[in-house]
Structures are given as C-alpha cells and as structure tokens.
C-alpha cells in the first residue's frame, strides 16, 4: 500500500486534556498548521468516561463531569484552528520528527517542525502487578470499569473488591454503586494516610465500605467467574474476600511506548521521558506534556501543561534552538521521583513555580534538601505530611544556584 507523505508545523500525538490544550494554545498563537492525532475514535482522553463532577468549570461557574470537560477541550482546540484527527495510530518513527501512522484513510508519513507527545498514562492491569491465581471474568481496571458501566451499559456483578486507596479508587467505588454493585472493601498494602483509627472510619462513612490497610493481594480464585480475592495482612493472617468482581485501581504508568521507540531518554523514577521546565525531551524538537511525564495528575494540571508548552514550541519554531546537555534532577529513597527532572538552562520555571514529587512511604513533615556536587542549594520544611500516591510540591526558587555544567542535582528527604 502506498504511504502518503505530508508535512505540518506542529504534530501533537494524543488528544486528552494535555494534547488538546497544547493544540488549542498553539493554533491560537499562530504556530501554523497544528495537527492532533488520537488513536481512539473519540477525543478527550480519560475524562470521557469519568462521569463524576469536579472537572473544570461550567458556564455557570460550577464543576462539570468528565465527558462535559472533554467536550470543552475538544471544542477549544478545534475552535482555535487545530486539525483534530481520531482513529489514527502512530506506529513508529522514521526520523527525528517524522512518524508513520495508520488509520481509516490508509498509511501516512508525517514530518513536523516540532512534535508534542501527549500520550498520557494508564493503570497497570492485574497481569503487570503479578497477581497469581486463576483468570476468570470479573477483573477490571478503573478505566475498563467506567467504560463498561457508562459507555457500554454492561452488567458488572453483585459483590466487588476495589484494590487501592487513591482518588481513582474512590471514583471506582462510586461507579460500582451506580452499577448497583455491593462493594465489599477497599484494600491497600499501604498504611492509613490519616491516624490509624480515623482513616477507615472516614472511608466507611463516605462509601459505607470498610478500608483494609496493610493488606497484600495474594491471588484470585474462580473459573467461570471470579469467586474471591486472597489477602495477606501485615500480621501474617490470610483471608479470602468472597466476591465476583475486583477492580485494580491506581498504580499508574506513563504510556511511553512511542517515546521509547523514538529512543527518548526515560527518567528512571517517573518512567516517562526526561524533560525540563520547557517540556523539552532528549530529542531535538520533541516536547512532552501531561501524564506521560508524571503519572498521574489531574486533568486540569495536564491541560495547563499543554497550554504552557506553546511558548517553548513557538521559540523552537522561531529560533531552532535546543539545549545540549542538562544536569539531571534525581531523588533519594524514600522519594520516588521529581518532575520536571532536567535542569532548564534557559531559566524556565516549572508550572506554578513548583516541582512535583512523590514518596514511597508516609513522611511526617519532611525536611527536603537540594544539593549538587556537595553544595546545599535549598532547604524546605513541608508543613503537612507527604503521603504515598499523592503529589507534594517543592519550590523552585533555588534554580539560579544550579551549576549548568555540574553534576546531578539531588533531592533528599530527612
């Protein structure tokens, strides 16, 4: 089959909030021919099947549901002049800023002056979490559950266990309630994020569902249908929760396959592309935004990053400049990662002037120390605890003290 070749000014891969935000801002700013590609048939990303409120603001100033927010993002991008194409999959790279695609109209090879990757993130499924046992029907991720309930109106089950205790876990409980499913328990291997006696009580009050902390999933049982979830508690006890449905939530990973195929340097902490405060990756002319960089933040944060990338993309189109080497930003355990994770030699600051960090375990009022080559650049005491699976922030007012030709900048919690 003949492959059609085309050129554009800016190619955005992914039409979730980040990609649509980037497309809208770039098109409105005069970036030329801005094209957004989305492999799904409908643009909007994860919010499309999140029917709870809290996304953006409606015309009357109130929060809208996920589908409403997705429609707003699409309308803004298309209204600004970006070309949005759905059902198009980018299959690989054939040059620094040239990609091959496949879709209903056939094969294409698109070359851009700048590429913005906005491929988002996904929850790790049961198989990636190495949960043993049988493989019966009734096992979902949050996204699969929401699509089954809200988009396809499928029957789910009668009794469910939700694995996780993040915001998305509670959204899964709400979705199960809408589907008429009794939620047996929320289960997490983490300790309570609040005082031990209080956290389970608050979850039970919100969902009428117990929260089991310090509990690890040991296996699933059932043949024609799931019959139970095996647990091991921190004191060594083992139990089985009878259920016909289990939802694995959270544990997000960036959708970084395309970045890997393009040989972009990946940050070992976030597992997304390494990038600086101008959203520049290791590959000249290739930018990245949204939850591809830091799984997972809110749709509003992703959209804001999409809009923020427009300025550095426009500078790239105007000057062609790109930094050579940039010191990496790294963290010491129990911190998991920091984003952005490359120093920006042009002096750009992260969104809202703060870095995003995550921790592997609870840190009561941590003292963060930033250093480079034996020099202390910054100290900051957090007023609130840092909790696993929740972001916390580090001020960026120390960046002027970084040696752009020095070694790795390290952030430690003491």
Protein backbone atom coordinates (compact mmCIF):
# COMPACT_ATOMS: atom_id res chain seq x y z
CA UNK A 1 0.00 0.00 0.00
CA UNK A 2 1.29 3.46 -0.90
CA UNK A 3 2.22 5.64 2.07
CA UNK A 4 1.23 9.29 1.66
CA UNK A 5 3.82 11.80 2.89
CA UNK A 6 2.88 15.16 4.41
CA UNK A 7 4.44 17.97 6.44
CA UNK A 8 2.96 20.05 9.25
CA UNK A 9 4.29 22.73 11.56
CA UNK A 10 3.39 21.06 14.87
CA UNK A 11 2.23 17.49 15.37
CA UNK A 12 0.54 16.65 18.68
CA UNK A 13 0.22 12.94 19.47
CA UNK A 14 -2.65 12.28 21.87
CA UNK A 15 -5.96 14.12 22.29
CA UNK A 16 -6.52 14.04 26.02
CA UNK A 17 -6.59 17.26 28.08
CA UNK A 18 -2.83 17.84 27.62
CA UNK A 19 -2.78 17.31 23.85
CA UNK A 20 -5.95 19.29 23.27
CA UNK A 21 -4.67 22.10 25.49
CA UNK A 22 -1.44 22.20 23.52
CA UNK A 23 -3.25 22.16 20.19
CA UNK A 24 -5.64 24.92 21.22
CA UNK A 25 -2.91 27.25 22.52
CA UNK A 26 -0.54 26.61 19.62
CA UNK A 27 -3.20 27.16 16.97
CA UNK A 28 -4.43 30.31 18.68
CA UNK A 29 -0.84 31.60 18.93
CA UNK A 30 -0.15 31.35 15.21
CA UNK A 31 2.02 28.22 15.16
CA UNK A 32 0.86 27.40 11.63
CA UNK A 33 -0.57 24.02 10.70
CA UNK A 34 -1.21 22.29 14.04
CA UNK A 35 -2.45 18.69 13.81
CA UNK A 36 -3.61 16.50 16.71
CA UNK A 37 -3.70 12.71 16.28
CA UNK A 38 -5.77 10.42 18.51
CA UNK A 39 -5.89 6.63 18.24
CA UNK A 40 -9.33 6.40 19.87
CA UNK A 41 -12.42 7.14 17.81
CA UNK A 42 -13.46 9.92 20.21
CA UNK A 43 -11.09 12.57 21.57
CA UNK A 44 -10.97 13.71 25.20
CA UNK A 45 -8.81 11.13 26.98
CA UNK A 46 -9.65 9.61 30.35
CA UNK A 47 -12.29 12.24 31.29
CA UNK A 48 -14.56 10.87 28.53
CA UNK A 49 -15.65 8.02 30.76
CA UNK A 50 -15.37 9.72 34.18
CA UNK A 51 -18.98 10.68 34.85
CA UNK A 52 -18.34 12.26 38.24
CA UNK A 53 -18.05 16.04 38.63
CA UNK A 54 -15.04 18.13 39.50
CA UNK A 55 -13.63 18.75 36.01
CA UNK A 56 -13.05 22.37 35.07
CA UNK A 57 -15.91 24.83 35.30
CA UNK A 58 -19.20 25.04 33.51
CA UNK A 59 -20.85 28.14 32.05
CA UNK A 60 -22.46 28.92 35.38
CA UNK A 61 -19.14 28.50 37.18
CA UNK A 62 -19.85 25.04 38.59
CA UNK A 63 -17.77 21.93 38.04
CA UNK A 64 -18.68 19.72 35.08
CA UNK A 65 -18.48 15.98 34.55
CA UNK A 66 -15.61 14.32 32.72
CA UNK A 67 -17.46 13.96 29.38
CA UNK A 68 -18.51 17.61 29.55
CA UNK A 69 -14.94 18.66 30.25
CA UNK A 70 -13.67 16.52 27.36
CA UNK A 71 -16.13 18.20 25.01
CA UNK A 72 -14.93 21.62 26.22
CA UNK A 73 -11.31 20.68 25.48
CA UNK A 74 -12.18 19.39 22.00
CA UNK A 75 -14.22 22.48 21.19
CA UNK A 76 -11.38 24.78 22.32
CA UNK A 77 -8.79 23.02 20.15
CA UNK A 78 -10.97 22.80 17.04
CA UNK A 79 -12.30 26.33 17.57
CA UNK A 80 -8.74 27.68 17.72
CA UNK A 81 -7.96 26.17 14.34
CA UNK A 82 -6.14 22.92 15.19
CA UNK A 83 -6.90 19.95 12.96
CA UNK A 84 -8.10 17.01 15.07
CA UNK A 85 -7.98 13.51 13.56
CA UNK A 86 -9.27 10.50 15.50
CA UNK A 87 -8.81 6.80 14.80
CA UNK A 88 -5.18 7.47 13.79
CA UNK A 89 -2.41 5.40 15.38
CA UNK A 90 1.24 6.45 15.30
CA UNK A 91 3.15 3.23 14.67
CA UNK A 92 6.75 4.45 14.82
CA UNK A 93 9.44 6.96 13.90
CA UNK A 94 11.35 7.18 10.64
CA UNK A 95 13.32 10.32 11.53
CA UNK A 96 13.86 12.79 14.40
CA UNK A 97 10.45 14.44 13.84
CA UNK A 98 8.89 12.08 11.30
CA UNK A 99 6.31 9.44 12.23
CA UNK A 100 4.41 6.72 10.43
CA UNK A 101 0.68 6.45 11.02
CA UNK A 102 -2.16 4.17 10.10
CA UNK A 103 -5.85 4.94 10.03
CA UNK A 104 -9.08 4.64 8.05
CA UNK A 105 -7.61 6.60 5.14
CA UNK A 106 -4.51 4.41 4.93
CA UNK A 107 -0.83 4.83 5.71
CA UNK A 108 0.86 8.19 6.15
CA UNK A 109 4.31 9.56 6.93
CA UNK A 110 4.14 12.94 8.66
CA UNK A 111 7.11 15.24 9.21
CA UNK A 112 6.76 18.14 11.65
CA UNK A 113 8.92 21.07 12.65
CA UNK A 114 8.04 20.22 16.25
CA UNK A 115 6.38 17.20 17.86
CA UNK A 116 4.45 17.27 21.15
CA UNK A 117 3.92 13.88 22.79
CA UNK A 118 0.79 13.79 24.95
CA UNK A 119 0.09 10.06 25.10
CA UNK A 120 -0.97 10.06 28.76
CA UNK A 121 -0.87 7.23 31.27
CA UNK A 122 -2.68 4.03 32.13
CA UNK A 123 -3.27 1.88 35.19
CA UNK A 124 -1.22 -1.26 35.45
CA UNK A 125 -3.54 -4.26 34.96
CA UNK A 126 -3.62 -7.38 37.12
CA UNK A 127 -1.05 -9.13 34.89
CA UNK A 128 1.53 -6.34 35.28
CA UNK A 129 1.08 -6.45 39.07
CA UNK A 130 1.98 -10.17 39.03
CA UNK A 131 -1.13 -11.20 40.99
CA UNK A 132 -1.30 -15.01 40.84
CA UNK A 133 -4.33 -17.26 40.63
CA UNK A 134 -6.89 -18.18 38.02
CA UNK A 135 -8.02 -15.86 35.23
CA UNK A 136 -11.80 -15.68 35.48
CA UNK A 137 -14.10 -12.95 34.15
CA UNK A 138 -14.86 -10.12 36.55
CA UNK A 139 -11.39 -8.46 36.72
CA UNK A 140 -11.22 -4.77 35.77
CA UNK A 141 -9.07 -1.67 35.88
CA UNK A 142 -10.85 1.60 36.71
CA UNK A 143 -10.91 2.69 33.08
CA UNK A 144 -12.35 -0.64 31.94
CA UNK A 145 -14.98 -0.46 34.67
CA UNK A 146 -16.03 3.10 33.81
CA UNK A 147 -16.27 2.32 30.11
CA UNK A 148 -18.26 -0.84 30.79
CA UNK A 149 -20.73 0.99 33.04
CA UNK A 150 -21.05 4.42 31.44
CA UNK A 151 -20.30 3.84 27.76
CA UNK A 152 -21.44 0.27 27.08
CA UNK A 153 -24.07 -0.20 29.85
CA UNK A 154 -22.74 -3.66 30.65
CA UNK A 155 -23.75 -5.70 33.68
CA UNK A 156 -20.83 -5.85 36.11
CA UNK A 157 -21.58 -8.20 39.00
CA UNK A 158 -23.03 -8.17 42.51
CA UNK A 159 -20.13 -8.02 45.01
CA UNK A 160 -16.86 -6.18 44.33
CA UNK A 161 -13.47 -5.58 45.96
CA UNK A 162 -11.53 -2.44 45.00
CA UNK A 163 -7.73 -2.61 45.19
CA UNK A 164 -6.26 0.78 46.05
CA UNK A 165 -6.92 3.84 48.20
CA UNK A 166 -6.35 6.77 45.84
CA UNK A 167 -8.80 9.29 44.40
CA UNK A 168 -9.32 6.99 41.42
CA UNK A 169 -10.11 4.13 43.82
CA UNK A 170 -12.94 6.11 45.36
CA UNK A 171 -14.18 7.00 41.87
CA UNK A 172 -14.28 3.27 41.13
CA UNK A 173 -16.41 2.70 44.25
CA UNK A 174 -18.83 5.40 43.09
CA UNK A 175 -19.03 3.80 39.62
CA UNK A 176 -19.76 0.39 41.16
CA UNK A 177 -22.53 1.96 43.26
CA UNK A 178 -24.06 3.43 40.10
CA UNK A 179 -24.00 -0.07 38.57
CA UNK A 180 -25.83 -1.49 41.61
CA UNK A 181 -22.82 -3.47 42.86
CA UNK A 182 -22.20 -4.00 46.58
CA UNK A 183 -18.61 -3.02 47.41
CA UNK A 184 -17.17 -5.45 49.97
CA UNK A 185 -13.99 -3.48 50.79
CA UNK A 186 -11.22 -1.20 49.61
CA UNK A 187 -7.86 -2.90 50.02
CA UNK A 188 -4.41 -1.28 50.11
CA UNK A 189 -0.95 -2.51 51.04
CA UNK A 190 -0.17 0.97 52.36
CA UNK A 191 -0.68 2.11 55.95
CA UNK A 192 -3.51 4.57 56.63
CA UNK A 193 -2.76 8.04 55.31
CA UNK A 194 -4.53 9.51 58.35
CA UNK A 195 -4.28 8.44 62.00
CA UNK A 196 -4.83 4.68 62.08
CA UNK A 197 -8.22 4.73 63.76
CA UNK A 198 -9.60 7.63 61.72
CA UNK A 199 -8.88 6.72 58.07
CA UNK A 200 -11.02 3.54 57.88
CA UNK A 201 -13.87 5.35 59.64
CA UNK A 202 -13.82 8.19 57.11
CA UNK A 203 -13.82 5.79 54.15
CA UNK A 204 -16.66 3.78 55.69
CA UNK A 205 -18.63 6.99 56.29
CA UNK A 206 -18.17 8.08 52.66
CA UNK A 207 -18.79 4.79 50.91
CA UNK A 208 -20.35 2.55 53.59
CA UNK A 209 -17.36 0.33 52.79
CA UNK A 210 -14.51 -0.89 55.04
CA UNK A 211 -10.91 0.10 54.25
CA UNK A 212 -8.38 -2.70 54.79
CA UNK A 213 -4.85 -1.31 55.11
CA UNK A 214 -1.50 -3.18 55.24
CA UNK A 215 -3.13 -5.94 53.14
CA UNK A 216 -1.49 -7.53 50.08
CA UNK A 217 -3.42 -9.35 47.35
CA UNK A 218 -2.09 -12.93 47.19
CA UNK A 219 -4.30 -14.34 44.44
CA UNK A 220 -7.64 -14.57 42.67
CA UNK A 221 -9.93 -17.61 42.68
CA UNK A 222 -12.72 -18.80 40.38
CA UNK A 223 -13.16 -20.41 36.99
CA UNK A 224 -16.33 -19.39 35.10
CA UNK A 225 -16.49 -16.29 37.31
CA UNK A 226 -14.32 -14.70 39.99
CA UNK A 227 -15.21 -16.11 43.42
CA UNK A 228 -12.74 -14.44 45.77
CA UNK A 229 -9.69 -12.27 46.44
CA UNK A 230 -7.00 -13.69 48.72
CA UNK A 231 -5.26 -11.30 51.14
CA UNK A 232 -2.27 -11.44 53.46
CA UNK A 233 -2.32 -8.96 56.34
CA UNK A 234 0.77 -7.36 57.87
CA UNK A 235 0.48 -9.60 60.95
CA UNK A 236 0.67 -12.74 58.77
CA UNK A 237 -3.04 -13.58 58.76
CA UNK A 238 -4.54 -14.70 55.44
CA UNK A 239 -8.15 -14.24 54.42
CA UNK A 240 -10.31 -14.55 51.31
CA UNK A 241 -12.94 -11.96 50.48
CA UNK A 242 -15.83 -13.60 48.58
CA UNK A 243 -16.73 -11.51 45.52
CA UNK A 244 -17.49 -11.81 41.81
CA UNK A 245 -15.75 -8.57 40.75
CA UNK A 246 -12.37 -6.99 41.52
CA UNK A 247 -11.16 -3.57 40.33
CA UNK A 248 -7.42 -2.82 40.30
CA UNK A 249 -7.03 0.94 40.63
CA UNK A 250 -4.14 3.40 40.58
CA UNK A 251 -0.53 2.22 40.12
CA UNK A 252 -0.24 4.43 37.05
CA UNK A 253 2.47 4.13 34.42
CA UNK A 254 3.14 6.51 31.53
CA UNK A 255 2.03 5.40 28.07
CA UNK A 256 5.62 5.70 26.90
CA UNK A 257 5.87 3.14 24.08
CA UNK A 258 6.14 5.80 21.39
CA UNK A 259 8.75 7.70 23.40
CA UNK A 260 10.78 4.51 23.76
CA UNK A 261 10.57 3.78 20.03
CA UNK A 262 11.94 7.25 19.41
CA UNK A 263 14.91 6.49 21.71
CA UNK A 264 13.98 9.32 24.07
CA UNK A 265 15.78 9.20 27.41
CA UNK A 266 13.37 8.00 30.10
CA UNK A 267 13.56 9.13 33.71
CA UNK A 268 14.07 6.08 35.97
CA UNK A 269 11.66 7.45 38.57
CA UNK A 270 8.65 8.59 36.56
CA UNK A 271 9.30 6.10 33.71
CA UNK A 272 8.23 8.86 31.33
CA UNK A 273 10.52 10.97 29.14
CA UNK A 274 13.15 13.01 30.95
CA UNK A 275 12.26 16.68 30.43
CA UNK A 276 12.99 20.21 31.59
CA UNK A 277 10.68 23.05 32.62
CA UNK A 278 10.21 23.94 28.92
CA UNK A 279 8.90 20.38 28.31
CA UNK A 280 11.90 19.60 26.09
CA UNK A 281 12.93 15.94 25.94
CA UNK A 282 16.32 14.48 25.00
CA UNK A 283 15.39 14.50 21.29
CA UNK A 284 15.74 17.80 19.41
CA UNK A 285 12.35 19.25 18.51
CA UNK A 286 10.35 16.73 20.56
CA UNK A 287 8.36 18.02 23.53
CA UNK A 288 6.23 16.08 26.01
CA UNK A 289 3.36 17.15 28.28
CA UNK A 290 0.76 15.78 30.68
CA UNK A 291 0.61 12.45 32.41
CA UNK A 292 3.11 10.89 30.04
CA UNK A 293 5.59 12.79 32.22
CA UNK A 294 4.26 12.15 35.72
CA UNK A 295 1.54 9.56 36.14
CA UNK A 296 -0.83 10.70 37.32
CA UNK A 297 -2.01 14.28 37.95
CA UNK A 298 -5.41 15.87 37.45
CA UNK A 299 -6.91 16.62 34.06
CA UNK A 300 -6.63 20.32 34.91
CA UNK A 301 -2.89 20.01 35.52
CA UNK A 302 -2.44 18.10 32.25
CA UNK A 303 -4.40 20.73 30.32
CA UNK A 304 -2.40 23.55 31.94
CA UNK A 305 0.86 21.88 30.88
CA UNK A 306 -0.50 21.52 27.37
CA UNK A 307 -1.18 25.24 27.22
CA UNK A 308 2.21 26.04 28.78
CA UNK A 309 4.16 24.11 26.13
CA UNK A 310 3.03 26.52 23.43
CA UNK A 311 5.58 29.20 24.33
CA UNK A 312 8.67 26.93 24.13
CA UNK A 313 7.35 25.32 20.94
CA UNK A 314 6.94 28.74 19.35
CA UNK A 315 10.50 29.63 20.38
CA UNK A 316 11.71 26.42 18.79
CA UNK A 317 9.89 27.24 15.55
CA UNK A 318 11.35 30.75 15.54
CA UNK A 319 14.97 30.05 16.53
CA UNK A 320 15.56 26.33 16.11
CA UNK A 321 17.46 26.30 19.39
CA UNK A 322 17.79 23.27 21.65
CA UNK A 323 19.98 22.72 24.74
CA UNK A 324 22.83 20.24 24.50
CA UNK A 325 23.42 18.74 27.96
CA UNK A 326 21.38 19.49 31.07
CA UNK A 327 22.05 18.28 34.63
CA UNK A 328 19.53 15.72 35.77
CA UNK A 329 17.37 16.16 38.87
CA UNK A 330 17.16 13.00 40.94
CA UNK A 331 15.74 11.90 44.32
CA UNK A 332 16.93 9.60 47.08
CA UNK A 333 14.71 6.98 48.70
CA UNK A 334 12.09 7.01 50.07
CA UNK A 335 11.26 9.69 47.49
CA UNK A 336 10.19 8.10 44.20
CA UNK A 337 10.56 10.83 41.62
CA UNK A 338 10.59 14.54 40.80
CA UNK A 339 9.13 16.31 37.78
CA UNK A 340 10.48 18.11 35.80
CA UNK A 341 13.68 16.08 36.10
CA UNK A 342 16.14 18.03 33.92
CA UNK A 343 17.60 21.45 34.65
CA UNK A 344 16.43 24.11 32.19
CA UNK A 345 19.46 26.22 31.15
CA UNK A 346 17.18 28.92 29.74
CA UNK A 347 15.86 29.76 33.19
CA UNK A 348 12.31 28.47 32.76
CA UNK A 349 10.43 27.54 35.93
CA UNK A 350 8.06 24.59 36.42
CA UNK A 351 4.32 25.14 36.23
CA UNK A 352 3.26 27.40 39.14
CA UNK A 353 6.92 27.67 40.15
CA UNK A 354 6.98 24.30 41.91
CA UNK A 355 8.27 20.79 41.25
CA UNK A 356 6.01 17.75 41.72
CA UNK A 357 7.31 14.92 43.91
CA UNK A 358 6.07 11.52 45.09
CA UNK A 359 7.14 9.36 48.02
CA UNK A 360 7.09 5.60 48.56
CA UNK A 361 6.07 5.89 52.22
CA UNK A 362 4.48 8.41 54.55
CA UNK A 363 6.79 11.22 55.68
CA UNK A 364 5.52 13.37 58.58
CA UNK A 365 6.55 16.97 57.85
CA UNK A 366 9.67 16.06 55.81
CA UNK A 367 12.67 18.36 55.50
CA UNK A 368 13.70 18.49 51.83
CA UNK A 369 17.35 19.19 50.99
CA UNK A 370 18.51 20.05 47.45
CA UNK A 371 22.21 19.62 46.68
CA UNK A 372 24.67 19.47 43.81
CA UNK A 373 28.31 18.36 43.91
CA UNK A 374 28.47 18.65 47.69
CA UNK A 375 26.80 22.09 47.83
CA UNK A 376 23.43 22.61 49.53
CA UNK A 377 21.23 24.69 47.23
CA UNK A 378 18.00 24.74 49.20
CA UNK A 379 16.24 23.50 52.32
CA UNK A 380 12.49 23.34 52.75
CA UNK A 381 10.32 22.00 55.56
CA UNK A 382 6.86 20.84 54.49
CA UNK A 383 4.03 21.81 56.81
CA UNK A 384 1.95 18.71 56.04
CA UNK A 385 2.87 15.01 55.74
CA UNK A 386 3.89 13.62 52.35
CA UNK A 387 1.66 10.65 51.56
CA UNK A 388 2.20 7.77 49.08
CA UNK A 389 0.24 8.08 45.83
CA UNK A 390 -0.33 11.79 46.41
CA UNK A 391 1.70 14.67 44.96
CA UNK A 392 3.51 17.23 47.05
CA UNK A 393 5.46 20.26 45.93
CA UNK A 394 8.97 21.72 46.14
CA UNK A 395 9.61 25.42 45.49
CA UNK A 396 11.81 26.27 42.50
CA UNK A 397 13.45 29.46 43.80
CA UNK A 398 16.83 27.67 44.12
CA UNK A 399 17.30 27.05 40.39
CA UNK A 400 19.53 30.11 39.95
CA UNK A 401 22.10 28.40 42.20
CA UNK A 402 22.43 25.30 39.99
CA UNK A 403 25.68 24.91 38.07
CA UNK A 404 24.51 24.19 34.49
CA UNK A 405 27.80 22.35 33.83
CA UNK A 406 27.78 20.47 37.15
CA UNK A 407 26.63 17.05 38.19
CA UNK A 408 23.22 15.66 39.09
CA UNK A 409 21.03 17.76 41.38
CA UNK A 410 19.79 15.51 44.20
CA UNK A 411 16.73 15.96 46.42
CA UNK A 412 16.71 14.17 49.76
CA UNK A 413 14.06 13.94 52.47
CA UNK A 414 15.46 13.97 56.02
